[in-house]
Protein backbone atom coordinates (compact mmCIF):
# COMPACT_ATOMS: atom_id res chain seq x y z
CA MET A 1 -15.62 13.63 -33.68
CA GLU A 2 -12.07 12.78 -35.15
CA GLN A 3 -10.76 9.31 -33.99
CA MET A 4 -7.94 9.14 -31.12
CA GLU A 5 -4.66 7.86 -32.70
CA GLN A 6 -3.79 4.33 -32.35
CA GLY A 7 -2.29 3.62 -29.12
CA PHE A 8 -2.89 6.82 -27.32
CA GLY A 9 -4.99 6.82 -24.27
CA TYR A 10 -5.11 7.83 -20.79
CA SER A 11 -1.52 6.38 -19.76
CA GLN A 12 0.09 9.40 -22.06
CA CYS A 13 -2.28 11.54 -20.88
CA LYS A 14 -2.13 11.00 -16.96
CA PRO A 15 0.31 13.69 -16.30
CA PHE A 16 -1.72 16.39 -18.45
CA PHE A 17 -4.88 15.25 -16.62
CA GLU A 18 -3.02 15.81 -12.90
CA ALA A 19 -1.72 18.54 -14.31
CA VAL A 20 -5.06 20.19 -15.24
CA GLN A 21 -6.40 19.10 -12.07
CA ALA A 22 -3.39 21.22 -10.17
CA GLY A 23 -4.56 24.27 -12.21
CA ARG A 24 -0.69 23.91 -14.05
CA TRP A 25 -1.55 24.99 -17.27
CA GLU A 26 1.47 26.78 -18.53
CA THR A 27 3.29 23.68 -17.31
CA THR A 28 1.22 21.66 -19.47
CA LYS A 29 -0.20 23.60 -22.25
CA ASP A 30 1.66 22.35 -24.90
CA PHE A 31 0.75 18.71 -24.82
CA PRO A 32 -2.76 19.09 -26.23
CA ILE A 33 -1.39 20.80 -29.09
CA LYS A 34 1.27 18.47 -29.61
CA HIS A 35 -2.01 15.80 -28.96
CA PRO A 36 -5.10 17.34 -30.00
CA GLU A 37 -6.45 13.57 -29.12
CA ALA A 38 -5.91 14.50 -25.22
CA VAL A 39 -8.62 16.73 -25.06
CA ARG A 40 -11.14 13.79 -25.71
CA ALA A 41 -9.17 11.02 -23.99
CA THR A 42 -11.21 9.67 -21.10
CA HIS A 43 -10.20 8.72 -17.52
CA PRO A 44 -9.98 4.93 -17.75
CA ALA A 45 -12.32 4.78 -14.41
CA SER A 46 -14.52 7.89 -14.41
CA GLY A 47 -14.92 8.38 -18.51
CA LYS A 48 -14.37 12.23 -17.49
CA THR A 49 -12.16 14.45 -19.66
CA ALA A 50 -10.05 17.05 -18.74
CA LEU A 51 -12.67 19.53 -19.15
CA HIS A 52 -14.16 17.56 -16.45
CA ILE A 53 -11.94 17.81 -14.06
CA ALA A 54 -10.59 21.54 -14.81
CA VAL A 55 -14.55 22.16 -14.06
CA GLU A 56 -14.66 20.39 -10.78
CA ALA A 57 -11.55 22.08 -9.78
CA GLY A 58 -12.95 25.35 -10.23
CA HIS A 59 -9.89 26.40 -12.81
CA VAL A 60 -12.30 28.39 -15.18
CA ASP A 61 -9.12 29.55 -17.34
CA ILE A 62 -8.16 26.18 -18.11
CA VAL A 63 -11.81 25.86 -18.77
CA LYS A 64 -11.58 28.33 -21.52
CA GLU A 65 -8.22 26.93 -23.06
CA LEU A 66 -9.70 23.67 -23.30
CA VAL A 67 -12.96 24.27 -24.82
CA ARG A 68 -11.27 26.39 -27.47
CA LEU A 69 -9.00 23.38 -28.46
CA MET A 70 -12.24 20.95 -28.69
CA GLU A 71 -14.33 20.16 -30.96
CA VAL A 72 -17.74 21.03 -31.30
CA ASP A 73 -18.84 17.22 -30.57
CA ASP A 74 -16.33 16.68 -27.65
CA LEU A 75 -18.26 19.16 -25.82
CA GLU A 76 -20.74 16.58 -25.16
CA ILE A 77 -18.57 13.60 -23.88
CA LYS A 78 -20.64 12.14 -20.70
CA ALA A 79 -18.53 10.68 -17.69
CA THR A 80 -19.18 7.07 -17.23
CA THR A 81 -20.04 7.79 -13.42
CA ASP A 82 -22.87 9.94 -13.20
CA GLN A 83 -23.45 10.34 -17.56
CA ARG A 84 -22.63 14.02 -17.49
CA THR A 85 -21.05 16.11 -19.72
CA ALA A 86 -19.01 19.16 -18.42
CA LEU A 87 -22.05 21.44 -19.09
CA ALA A 88 -24.05 19.45 -16.52
CA THR A 89 -21.10 19.03 -13.94
CA ALA A 90 -20.84 22.96 -14.17
CA ALA A 91 -24.35 23.68 -13.70
CA ILE A 92 -23.98 21.82 -10.54
CA LYS A 93 -20.69 23.28 -9.42
CA GLY A 94 -22.59 27.16 -10.10
CA ILE A 95 -19.48 28.60 -12.19
CA THR A 96 -21.57 30.53 -14.76
CA GLU A 97 -18.42 31.79 -16.86
CA MET A 98 -17.40 28.26 -17.75
CA ALA A 99 -20.87 27.67 -19.04
CA GLU A 100 -21.18 30.75 -21.27
CA CYS A 101 -17.82 29.40 -23.07
CA MET A 102 -19.34 25.80 -23.54
CA VAL A 103 -22.83 26.59 -24.76
CA THR A 104 -21.41 29.81 -26.83
CA LYS A 105 -19.47 26.95 -28.97
CA ASN A 106 -22.55 24.04 -28.55
CA LYS A 107 -26.05 25.02 -27.69
CA GLU A 108 -27.19 21.17 -27.87
CA LEU A 109 -25.15 20.76 -24.58
CA LEU A 110 -28.43 22.58 -22.78
CA SER A 111 -30.66 19.39 -23.87
CA ILE A 112 -28.62 17.09 -23.19
CA PRO A 113 -29.78 15.39 -19.74
CA ASP A 114 -27.58 13.18 -17.48
CA GLY A 115 -28.34 9.62 -16.46
CA HIS A 116 -28.70 6.53 -18.49
CA ASP A 117 -31.09 7.75 -20.72
CA MET A 118 -33.31 4.54 -19.74
CA PRO A 119 -36.68 4.38 -22.02
CA ASP A 120 -38.82 4.34 -19.00
CA LYS A 121 -36.53 7.24 -17.05
CA HIS A 122 -35.77 11.20 -17.91
CA GLY A 123 -32.45 12.48 -16.93
CA MET A 124 -31.89 15.62 -15.55
CA LEU A 125 -30.91 18.93 -18.12
CA PRO A 126 -28.20 21.34 -16.71
CA ILE A 127 -30.76 23.55 -15.90
CA GLU A 128 -32.64 20.99 -13.76
CA LEU A 129 -29.31 19.97 -11.93
CA ALA A 130 -28.33 23.88 -11.19
CA TYR A 131 -32.11 24.81 -9.29
CA LEU A 132 -31.28 20.84 -7.55
CA TYR A 133 -28.22 22.32 -5.91
CA GLY A 134 -29.52 25.93 -5.38
CA GLN A 135 -26.95 27.48 -7.59
CA TRP A 136 -29.82 30.47 -9.00
CA ARG A 137 -27.33 33.11 -10.99
CA MET A 138 -26.24 29.63 -13.08
CA ALA A 139 -30.01 28.81 -13.17
CA GLN A 140 -31.34 32.46 -14.28
CA PHE A 141 -28.39 32.03 -17.18
CA LEU A 142 -29.20 28.41 -18.29
CA TYR A 143 -32.99 29.51 -18.28
CA SER A 144 -32.26 32.64 -20.48
CA ASN A 145 -30.70 29.79 -23.21
CA THR A 146 -32.87 26.53 -22.94
CA PRO A 147 -34.97 26.01 -25.48
CA ILE A 148 -38.35 26.15 -24.22
CA GLU A 149 -39.61 23.08 -26.15
CA ASP A 150 -37.10 20.85 -23.65
CA LEU A 151 -39.24 22.00 -21.12
CA LYS A 152 -42.63 21.56 -22.21
CA PRO A 153 -44.56 18.41 -20.88
CA GLY A 154 -44.01 16.20 -24.14
CA LYS A 155 -40.39 16.46 -23.32
CA GLY A 156 -40.94 14.55 -20.12
CA PRO A 157 -41.38 16.44 -16.27
CA HIS A 158 -38.12 18.62 -16.69
CA GLY A 159 -40.47 21.93 -16.31
CA ALA A 160 -42.46 20.84 -14.06
CA ILE A 161 -39.37 19.47 -11.68
CA ILE A 162 -38.31 22.91 -12.41
CA ILE A 163 -40.88 24.78 -11.13
CA CYS A 164 -41.49 22.69 -7.93
CA ASN A 165 -38.01 23.10 -7.13
CA CYS A 166 -38.36 27.01 -7.51
CA PHE A 167 -41.80 26.79 -5.20
CA ALA A 168 -39.88 24.80 -2.59
CA SER A 169 -36.62 27.65 -2.27
CA LYS A 170 -39.02 30.25 -2.57
CA GLU A 171 -37.60 30.97 -5.84
CA PHE A 172 -40.78 32.40 -8.04
CA ASP A 173 -39.16 34.44 -10.76
CA ILE A 174 -38.64 31.51 -13.28
CA SER A 175 -41.03 29.70 -12.15
CA TRP A 176 -43.73 32.13 -12.75
CA SER A 177 -42.42 32.65 -16.21
CA LEU A 178 -42.20 29.34 -17.19
CA MET A 179 -45.94 28.52 -16.21
CA ASN A 180 -46.94 32.09 -17.94
CA ARG A 181 -44.99 30.44 -21.41
CA CYS A 182 -46.13 27.01 -20.45
CA PRO A 183 -49.55 26.97 -18.76
CA GLU A 184 -50.01 23.53 -18.35
CA LEU A 185 -46.75 22.76 -16.63
CA ALA A 186 -49.17 23.82 -13.61
CA PHE A 187 -50.74 20.31 -13.92
CA THR A 188 -47.69 18.18 -14.69
CA PRO A 189 -46.34 15.71 -12.26
CA GLY A 190 -43.06 16.84 -11.20
CA SER A 191 -40.86 14.85 -8.62
CA GLY A 192 -42.76 12.57 -6.11
CA GLY A 193 -45.92 13.08 -8.32
CA LYS A 194 -46.80 16.45 -7.63
CA THR A 195 -48.05 19.00 -9.82
CA PRO A 196 -46.66 22.26 -9.23
CA LEU A 197 -49.71 23.81 -8.14
CA GLU A 198 -49.83 20.73 -5.52
CA THR A 199 -46.66 21.67 -4.58
CA LEU A 200 -47.42 25.45 -3.67
CA ALA A 201 -50.47 24.54 -2.29
CA SER A 202 -49.14 21.94 0.17
CA GLN A 203 -46.65 24.90 1.31
CA GLN A 204 -49.29 27.01 2.16
CA ALA A 205 -51.53 24.70 3.79
CA SER A 206 -52.28 26.49 6.66
CA SER A 207 -53.64 29.18 4.63
CA PHE A 208 -56.57 26.26 3.57
CA ARG A 209 -59.55 25.66 5.36
CA SER A 210 -59.22 21.86 6.90
CA GLY A 211 -61.11 18.82 4.77
CA VAL A 212 -60.38 20.06 1.51
CA GLU A 213 -58.59 17.40 -0.57
CA LEU A 214 -56.02 18.66 -3.38
CA ASN A 215 -57.61 16.57 -6.29
CA PHE A 216 -61.29 18.25 -5.01
CA TRP A 217 -59.83 21.86 -5.30
CA GLN A 218 -57.38 21.36 -8.08
CA GLN A 219 -59.95 21.96 -10.83
CA TRP A 220 -61.15 24.90 -8.49
CA ILE A 221 -57.45 26.85 -8.77
CA TYR A 222 -57.30 25.81 -12.58
CA ASP A 223 -60.64 27.67 -13.10
CA SER A 224 -59.41 30.82 -10.86
CA ILE A 225 -55.95 31.36 -12.56
CA ASP A 226 -55.78 34.04 -14.50
CA ILE A 227 -52.94 32.69 -17.21
CA LYS A 228 -51.03 36.49 -18.48
CA PRO A 229 -49.34 36.65 -21.75
CA PRO A 230 -45.96 35.23 -21.76
CA ALA A 231 -43.39 36.93 -19.50
CA ARG A 232 -40.33 38.29 -21.57
CA ILE A 233 -37.44 36.91 -19.53
CA ASN A 234 -34.92 36.39 -21.77
CA GLN A 235 -31.11 37.69 -21.94
CA THR A 236 -32.10 41.08 -21.01
CA SER A 237 -34.81 40.74 -18.39
CA LEU A 238 -32.64 38.09 -16.79
CA THR A 239 -29.72 39.72 -16.79
CA VAL A 240 -27.35 37.82 -14.46
CA GLN A 241 -26.67 40.06 -11.50
CA ASP A 242 -23.55 39.26 -9.37
CA ASP A 243 -25.29 40.80 -5.86
CA GLU A 244 -27.57 37.44 -5.02
CA ASN A 245 -29.16 39.39 -2.55
CA SER A 246 -30.83 41.53 -5.02
CA GLN A 247 -34.42 43.30 -4.19
CA ALA A 248 -36.66 40.79 -6.53
CA ASN A 249 -37.33 38.93 -4.15
CA ASN A 250 -39.91 40.90 -2.62
CA GLY A 251 -41.41 40.71 -6.23
CA ARG A 252 -41.08 36.67 -6.04
CA SER A 253 -42.95 36.70 -2.45
CA SER A 254 -45.70 38.96 -3.77
CA ILE A 255 -46.44 36.21 -6.02
CA CYS A 256 -47.06 33.73 -4.02
CA SER A 257 -48.87 36.00 -1.71
CA GLY A 258 -51.15 36.95 -4.50
CA LEU A 259 -52.07 33.90 -5.63
CA LEU A 260 -52.67 32.36 -2.23
CA SER A 261 -53.91 35.32 -0.24
CA PRO A 262 -56.94 35.19 1.60
CA SER A 263 -58.62 37.61 -0.70
CA SER A 264 -57.76 35.97 -4.05
CA PRO A 265 -60.50 34.35 -5.66
CA ILE A 266 -58.53 30.42 -5.43
CA ILE A 267 -59.15 30.96 -1.69
CA ASN A 268 -62.51 32.35 -1.62
CA LYS A 269 -63.44 29.54 -3.72
CA LEU A 270 -61.78 27.09 -1.90
CA GLY A 271 -63.74 28.68 1.79
CA SER A 272 -67.14 28.11 0.00
CA VAL A 273 -67.01 24.48 -0.72
CA ALA A 274 -65.08 23.41 2.30
């Protein structure tokens, strides 16, 4: 990353930041060309770059211009307030077009968690933030591009948290794909210490007879599940749709109901031991 020229900082960039926030790119577009270091200057209070500010304000065209002017490493700058990159902020905002231009320039952004990266804690990846904030269109794009290795148990609870959030929101496409690609995630503790299967079962409590403890029948679930070959869910099968009300919801529901239907092997086994 290039060093900022001595004496150049936020005070010189303040009008530039204000113009970016207001969406007045035409009035300020020459400034970062004359002063390339302006695109990596940060706000003294928040640590945010002009890119962070443009993302928060929803200015897609300005985001694209800033990304074009920035070096690859510049995109990895985190705000000091929440330790989030501009991509993480875009994941929360849910504007996929912003994320696309950033990921195209620097795919490493997909693997950078927010938070302070404490040794005993795991920050949230951009894909987790998209799920947490219910940005499903963004989540589909990020899932199609995030390395699967980042979601395996060895890298922390990221994958399990995603699956649990999907179950909680009754969004089953990606959760089922992820468990097929990495079956051990079904038994990996996520947020709150619950595994994805425990989360799913707790939402279907009415389907089970009383008196059956989770830790007792969890092994029955494990023995009953027939894990299929990894689903080919990538850029092709997860093409982002503008229509949020697609008929895919029917497929999602059938996955859950099939797994926990009264006639399923899981329920039959649970009933026989209750």
